[in-house]
Structures are given as structure tokens and as C-alpha cells.
Protein backbone atom coordinates (compact mmCIF):
# COMPACT_ATOMS: atom_id res chain seq x y z
CA MET A 1 10.32 147.95 76.98
CA ILE A 2 7.81 147.44 74.17
CA VAL A 3 8.42 148.90 70.71
CA THR A 4 5.64 148.78 68.10
CA THR A 5 6.04 149.77 64.45
CA PHE A 6 3.37 150.30 61.80
CA PRO A 7 2.45 150.07 58.97
CA ASN A 8 4.44 147.11 57.79
CA PRO A 9 5.24 147.14 54.93
CA VAL A 10 5.81 150.90 54.81
CA THR A 11 5.99 153.12 51.73
CA SER A 12 6.62 156.55 53.22
CA VAL A 13 6.20 157.18 56.97
CA LEU A 14 6.92 154.61 59.66
CA ASN A 15 5.20 155.08 63.04
CA VAL A 16 7.10 153.92 66.12
CA LYS A 17 5.44 153.61 69.52
CA CYS A 18 7.18 152.74 72.77
CA ASP A 19 6.55 152.87 76.49
CA ILE A 20 9.25 155.22 77.83
CA PRO A 21 8.40 157.38 80.87
CA PRO A 22 8.02 161.09 79.90
CA ALA A 23 11.00 162.28 81.97
CA ASP A 24 13.48 159.77 80.51
CA GLN A 25 15.79 159.98 77.49
CA ALA A 26 16.22 157.44 74.69
CA GLU A 27 17.77 157.10 71.25
CA ILE A 28 15.93 155.63 68.30
CA ARG A 29 17.82 154.19 65.33
CA LEU A 30 16.85 152.70 62.00
CA LEU A 31 19.31 150.12 60.67
CA ASP A 32 19.52 148.55 57.23
CA MET A 33 20.25 144.86 56.71
CA SER A 34 24.02 145.39 56.83
CA GLY A 35 23.69 147.00 60.29
CA LYS A 36 24.38 150.51 59.00
CA ILE A 37 22.51 153.23 60.88
CA VAL A 38 20.41 155.13 58.32
CA TYR A 39 18.44 157.23 60.85
CA ARG A 40 19.22 158.30 64.43
CA GLN A 41 17.49 160.67 66.84
CA GLU A 42 17.74 161.33 70.57
CA LEU A 43 14.37 161.81 72.22
CA SER A 44 12.72 162.33 75.55
CA GLY A 45 9.93 160.00 76.61
CA ALA A 46 7.49 162.88 76.06
CA ASP A 47 8.45 162.88 72.36
CA MET A 48 8.00 159.12 72.03
CA ALA A 49 4.24 158.58 72.31
CA THR A 50 4.38 157.99 68.55
CA LYS A 51 7.47 158.96 66.56
CA GLN A 52 7.21 159.23 62.78
CA ILE A 53 10.21 158.36 60.61
CA ASP A 54 10.20 159.51 56.98
CA MET A 55 11.46 156.57 54.90
CA THR A 56 10.74 157.99 51.43
CA GLY A 57 14.43 158.53 50.67
CA LEU A 58 15.46 155.01 51.66
CA ALA A 59 15.90 152.07 49.31
CA LYS A 60 13.37 149.24 49.21
CA GLY A 61 14.29 146.42 51.56
CA MET A 62 14.28 145.29 55.17
CA TYR A 63 15.10 147.55 58.14
CA TYR A 64 15.17 147.24 61.93
CA VAL A 65 14.17 149.81 64.54
CA GLN A 66 16.53 149.86 67.51
CA LEU A 67 15.74 151.68 70.75
CA LEU A 68 18.46 152.46 73.28
CA TYR A 69 17.06 153.19 76.72
CA ALA A 70 18.55 152.96 80.23
CA GLY A 71 21.61 151.09 78.95
CA GLU A 72 19.51 148.49 77.12
CA GLU A 73 18.92 147.89 73.42
CA SER A 74 15.60 146.77 72.03
CA MET A 75 15.30 145.54 68.44
CA ASN A 76 11.92 144.99 66.82
CA SER A 77 10.80 142.62 64.09
CA PRO A 78 11.87 143.59 60.57
CA VAL A 79 10.16 146.49 58.82
CA TYR A 80 9.78 146.16 55.07
CA LYS A 81 10.09 149.24 52.85
CA ASN A 82 8.24 149.04 49.51
């Protein structure tokens, strides 16, 4: 499973792309550096072509996007919020 995030660094909206089949379900999470979940949403693969996450209300710093799919967790490289 491939998860791509852009832009990086981000100031307002983070775009997340992944390769989940349209009929499948997944959960996307945004975690801060302490591991606290600051955003969570359950999605179908059809909703995941490109998912936008509004980060304007979050503090500056480093975050991770975690994708839970078919019993597996995928964590991407850090995303920096300016």
C-alpha cells in the first residue's frame, strides 16, 4: 500500500493519496509527535483517490499520516506544518 502526502511542508490543506481498491474500507489518521491522534476518518477506497485534511487549526510541528487497511498499518514520512 502506497501513501503519498503533499505539499510538505504544509500550511493549510494536506493532500493524501493512496492506492486502495474502490470497494474496500480504510481509516486515515493524523498523529502528532507524541502519538496522539489529532484527526481520524473512516473512508471507502472510492473516497481515497485524494483526501484533503484541513490542518489550519493544528500547531506548527511534525505530524505523521497513518493508514489502516486490511489489518495493516502504513505510516508515511513526516509531514511538517508551518
